[in-house]
Amino acid sequence: MRTETSDLSIAVWRKSSHSQNSASCIEIADQFPGILPIRDSKTPDRSPIVVPRAAWASFVTAVASGGGVPVDMG
């Protein structure tokens, strides 16, 4: 889901602090207001998924609370 056109070639990617040097994790680029590009660290050349920040925050809150994926994600 792309909510706006952004130049993702300037993205600065970071891995989760929970990845513990694992090759199997996601990377995010924080510098884009309103959206959050997300990619698989194993395949950085593939196009990232871009989600609204509010949807990502809802997802993270639901997972952290053990509630699974919220219904209103899409």
Protein backbone atom coordinates (compact mmCIF):
# COMPACT_ATOMS: atom_id res chain seq x y z
CA MET A 1 0.00 0.00 0.00
CA ARG A 2 1.60 3.25 -1.08
CA THR A 3 -0.07 6.30 0.42
CA GLU A 4 2.08 8.93 -1.26
CA THR A 5 4.95 9.17 -3.70
CA SER A 6 8.27 9.32 -1.89
CA ASP A 7 11.83 8.96 -3.12
CA LEU A 8 12.76 5.74 -1.34
CA SER A 9 16.23 5.82 -2.90
CA ILE A 10 17.21 8.16 -0.06
CA ALA A 11 15.90 5.80 2.63
CA VAL A 12 18.15 5.09 5.58
CA TRP A 13 17.25 1.58 6.68
CA ARG A 14 17.57 0.18 10.19
CA LYS A 15 16.96 -3.24 11.69
CA SER A 16 14.98 -3.87 14.81
CA SER A 17 16.98 -3.91 18.02
CA HIS A 18 15.27 -7.26 18.66
CA SER A 19 16.90 -8.90 15.61
CA GLN A 20 20.03 -9.87 17.59
CA ASN A 21 22.19 -9.91 14.44
CA SER A 22 19.84 -12.35 12.74
CA ALA A 23 19.60 -12.29 8.97
CA SER A 24 15.85 -12.88 9.23
CA CYS A 25 14.29 -9.58 10.14
CA ILE A 26 12.64 -6.52 8.73
CA GLU A 27 14.15 -3.12 8.21
CA ILE A 28 12.32 0.18 8.35
CA ALA A 29 13.09 3.70 7.15
CA ASP A 30 11.98 6.29 9.72
CA GLN A 31 12.53 9.55 7.84
CA PHE A 32 9.30 9.72 5.83
CA PRO A 33 6.42 11.63 7.50
CA GLY A 34 3.10 9.82 7.46
CA ILE A 35 4.40 6.57 5.93
CA LEU A 36 6.70 3.76 6.94
CA PRO A 37 8.62 1.82 4.29
CA ILE A 38 9.31 -1.76 5.40
CA ARG A 39 11.56 -4.33 3.70
CA ASP A 40 12.94 -7.81 4.24
CA SER A 41 16.61 -7.65 5.27
CA LYS A 42 17.34 -10.81 3.24
CA THR A 43 16.12 -9.20 0.00
CA PRO A 44 16.92 -5.48 0.20
CA ASP A 45 16.72 -5.02 -3.58
CA ARG A 46 13.00 -5.86 -3.67
CA SER A 47 10.49 -3.04 -3.45
CA PRO A 48 9.54 -2.25 0.14
CA ILE A 49 6.01 -2.31 1.48
CA VAL A 50 4.85 1.19 2.41
CA VAL A 51 2.17 1.55 5.09
CA PRO A 52 0.61 4.52 6.89
CA ARG A 53 2.37 5.14 10.20
CA ALA A 54 -0.93 4.89 12.08
CA ALA A 55 -1.54 1.39 10.69
CA TRP A 56 1.97 0.29 11.69
CA ALA A 57 1.52 1.68 15.22
CA SER A 58 -1.78 -0.18 15.54
CA PHE A 59 -0.16 -3.41 14.34
CA VAL A 60 2.79 -3.12 16.74
CA THR A 61 0.49 -2.35 19.69
CA ALA A 62 -1.73 -5.35 18.89
CA VAL A 63 1.20 -7.74 18.56
CA ALA A 64 2.87 -6.45 21.73
CA SER A 65 -0.33 -6.98 23.69
CA GLY A 66 -0.72 -10.51 22.35
CA GLY A 67 -3.91 -9.62 20.52
CA GLY A 68 -2.79 -10.44 16.99
CA VAL A 69 -3.41 -8.28 13.94
CA PRO A 70 -6.11 -5.62 14.36
CA VAL A 71 -9.12 -5.87 12.07
CA ASP A 72 -8.88 -2.26 10.82
CA MET A 73 -5.45 -2.67 9.16
CA GLY A 74 -6.75 -2.50 5.63
